[in-house]
Amino acid sequence: MVIGILVDDAIDEVENIVRHLRMGKAPIQAAKEAADEIGLAVIATTLSLVAVFLPTAFMRDIAGRFFKQFDWTAVLAVLTSLVV
C-alpha cells in the first residue's frame, strides 16, 4: 500500500512536470512550477495518511501490537517521500 502511494505521488509529479515542459518551459522552471501546483495536494495527502496511521501505532490492545510495525513503517515512508 505504501509503495503504491509513493509511486502515485511520483507519477503525479512527473506528469505535471512533463506538461510544463510541453508548454515550452525550461526544465528547472517546469519542475518548480509543477511542484508549486501540486505541492499542497501532496502535503495534504501525506498528513492525512499520517493522521490515520500514527494513532494506531500507539494503541495498546492486541490489534495495536499487531500493527505497530506496519504503522510506523507507513508513517516514516510517507514522510520520507514528502521530503524527497
C-alpha atoms as a PDB file:
ATOM      1  CA  MET A   1       0.000   0.000   0.000  1.00  0.00           C
ATOM      2  CA  VAL A   2       2.738   2.446   0.933  1.00  0.00           C
ATOM      3  CA  ILE A   3       4.663   1.693  -2.242  1.00  0.00           C
ATOM      4  CA  GLY A   4       1.519   2.424  -4.232  1.00  0.00           C
ATOM      5  CA  ILE A   5       1.141   5.785  -2.537  1.00  0.00           C
ATOM      6  CA  LEU A   6       4.784   6.657  -3.148  1.00  0.00           C
ATOM      7  CA  VAL A   7       4.575   5.658  -6.806  1.00  0.00           C
ATOM      8  CA  ASP A   8       1.316   7.586  -7.263  1.00  0.00           C
ATOM      9  CA  ASP A   9       2.854  10.766  -5.846  1.00  0.00           C
ATOM     10  CA  ALA A  10       5.882  10.370  -8.100  1.00  0.00           C
ATOM     11  CA  ILE A  11       3.736   9.777 -11.194  1.00  0.00           C
ATOM     12  CA  ASP A  12       1.621  12.837 -10.451  1.00  0.00           C
ATOM     13  CA  GLU A  13       4.711  14.987 -10.059  1.00  0.00           C
ATOM     14  CA  VAL A  14       6.395  13.710 -13.229  1.00  0.00           C
ATOM     15  CA  GLU A  15       3.232  14.078 -15.318  1.00  0.00           C
ATOM     16  CA  ASN A  16       2.851  17.655 -14.173  1.00  0.00           C
ATOM     17  CA  ILE A  17       6.487  18.426 -14.974  1.00  0.00           C
ATOM     18  CA  VAL A  18       6.113  16.909 -18.445  1.00  0.00           C
ATOM     19  CA  ARG A  19       3.012  19.051 -19.021  1.00  0.00           C
ATOM     20  CA  HIS A  20       5.027  22.170 -18.214  1.00  0.00           C
ATOM     21  CA  LEU A  21       7.896  21.034 -20.431  1.00  0.00           C
ATOM     22  CA  ARG A  22       5.457  20.612 -23.339  1.00  0.00           C
ATOM     23  CA  MET A  23       4.410  24.217 -22.788  1.00  0.00           C
ATOM     24  CA  GLY A  24       7.978  25.134 -23.732  1.00  0.00           C
ATOM     25  CA  LYS A  25       9.314  25.986 -20.291  1.00  0.00           C
ATOM     26  CA  ALA A  26      12.886  25.331 -19.203  1.00  0.00           C
ATOM     27  CA  PRO A  27      13.322  22.125 -17.177  1.00  0.00           C
ATOM     28  CA  ILE A  28      14.110  23.877 -13.890  1.00  0.00           C
ATOM     29  CA  GLN A  29      11.245  26.306 -14.289  1.00  0.00           C
ATOM     30  CA  ALA A  30       8.892  23.457 -15.249  1.00  0.00           C
ATOM     31  CA  ALA A  31       9.896  21.462 -12.168  1.00  0.00           C
ATOM     32  CA  LYS A  32       9.449  24.425  -9.824  1.00  0.00           C
ATOM     33  CA  GLU A  33       6.063  25.419 -11.201  1.00  0.00           C
ATOM     34  CA  ALA A  34       4.812  21.824 -11.297  1.00  0.00           C
ATOM     35  CA  ALA A  35       5.850  21.257  -7.699  1.00  0.00           C
ATOM     36  CA  ASP A  36       4.171  24.502  -6.641  1.00  0.00           C
ATOM     37  CA  GLU A  37       0.914  23.470  -8.320  1.00  0.00           C
ATOM     38  CA  ILE A  38       0.515  20.052  -6.691  1.00  0.00           C
ATOM     39  CA  GLY A  39       2.619  20.555  -3.587  1.00  0.00           C
ATOM     40  CA  LEU A  40      -0.328  21.375  -1.354  1.00  0.00           C
ATOM     41  CA  ALA A  41      -2.238  18.290  -2.523  1.00  0.00           C
ATOM     42  CA  VAL A  42       0.746  16.032  -1.821  1.00  0.00           C
ATOM     43  CA  ILE A  43       1.228  17.578   1.630  1.00  0.00           C
ATOM     44  CA  ALA A  44      -2.468  17.138   2.430  1.00  0.00           C
ATOM     45  CA  THR A  45      -2.408  13.500   1.325  1.00  0.00           C
ATOM     46  CA  THR A  46       0.704  12.821   3.367  1.00  0.00           C
ATOM     47  CA  LEU A  47      -0.651  14.446   6.505  1.00  0.00           C
ATOM     48  CA  SER A  48      -3.969  12.626   6.212  1.00  0.00           C
ATOM     49  CA  LEU A  49      -2.157   9.287   5.952  1.00  0.00           C
ATOM     50  CA  VAL A  50      -0.040  10.161   8.971  1.00  0.00           C
ATOM     51  CA  ALA A  51      -3.223  11.131  10.832  1.00  0.00           C
ATOM     52  CA  VAL A  52      -4.644   7.675  10.106  1.00  0.00           C
ATOM     53  CA  PHE A  53      -1.616   5.505  10.813  1.00  0.00           C
ATOM     54  CA  LEU A  54       0.119   7.313  13.663  1.00  0.00           C
ATOM     55  CA  PRO A  55      -2.650   6.977  16.279  1.00  0.00           C
ATOM     56  CA  THR A  56      -2.973   3.256  15.642  1.00  0.00           C
ATOM     57  CA  ALA A  57       0.740   2.851  16.335  1.00  0.00           C
ATOM     58  CA  PHE A  58       0.047   3.867  19.930  1.00  0.00           C
ATOM     59  CA  MET A  59      -2.872   1.502  20.548  1.00  0.00           C
ATOM     60  CA  ARG A  60      -2.140  -0.854  23.433  1.00  0.00           C
ATOM     61  CA  ASP A  61      -4.569  -3.649  22.652  1.00  0.00           C
ATOM     62  CA  ILE A  62      -3.762  -6.775  20.643  1.00  0.00           C
ATOM     63  CA  ALA A  63      -4.537  -5.110  17.309  1.00  0.00           C
ATOM     64  CA  GLY A  64      -2.275  -2.192  18.179  1.00  0.00           C
ATOM     65  CA  ARG A  65       0.607  -4.502  18.997  1.00  0.00           C
ATOM     66  CA  PHE A  66      -0.005  -6.435  15.797  1.00  0.00           C
ATOM     67  CA  PHE A  67       0.006  -3.378  13.515  1.00  0.00           C
ATOM     68  CA  LYS A  68       2.592  -1.261  15.358  1.00  0.00           C
ATOM     69  CA  GLN A  69       5.483  -2.022  12.983  1.00  0.00           C
ATOM     70  CA  PHE A  70       3.307  -1.537   9.911  1.00  0.00           C
ATOM     71  CA  ASP A  71       2.019   1.798  11.149  1.00  0.00           C
ATOM     72  CA  TRP A  72       5.476   3.176  11.920  1.00  0.00           C
ATOM     73  CA  THR A  73       6.783   1.949   8.572  1.00  0.00           C
ATOM     74  CA  ALA A  74       3.907   3.607   6.726  1.00  0.00           C
ATOM     75  CA  VAL A  75       4.297   6.906   8.593  1.00  0.00           C
ATOM     76  CA  LEU A  76       8.067   7.080   8.081  1.00  0.00           C
ATOM     77  CA  ALA A  77       7.882   6.049   4.419  1.00  0.00           C
ATOM     78  CA  VAL A  78       5.216   8.614   3.579  1.00  0.00           C
ATOM     79  CA  LEU A  79       7.010  11.416   5.446  1.00  0.00           C
ATOM     80  CA  THR A  80      10.285  10.497   3.728  1.00  0.00           C
ATOM     81  CA  SER A  81       8.510  10.583   0.387  1.00  0.00           C
ATOM     82  CA  LEU A  82       7.236  14.063   1.161  1.00  0.00           C
ATOM     83  CA  VAL A  83      10.774  15.250   1.899  1.00  0.00           C
ATOM     84  CA  VAL A  84      12.072  13.748  -1.338  1.00  0.00           C
END
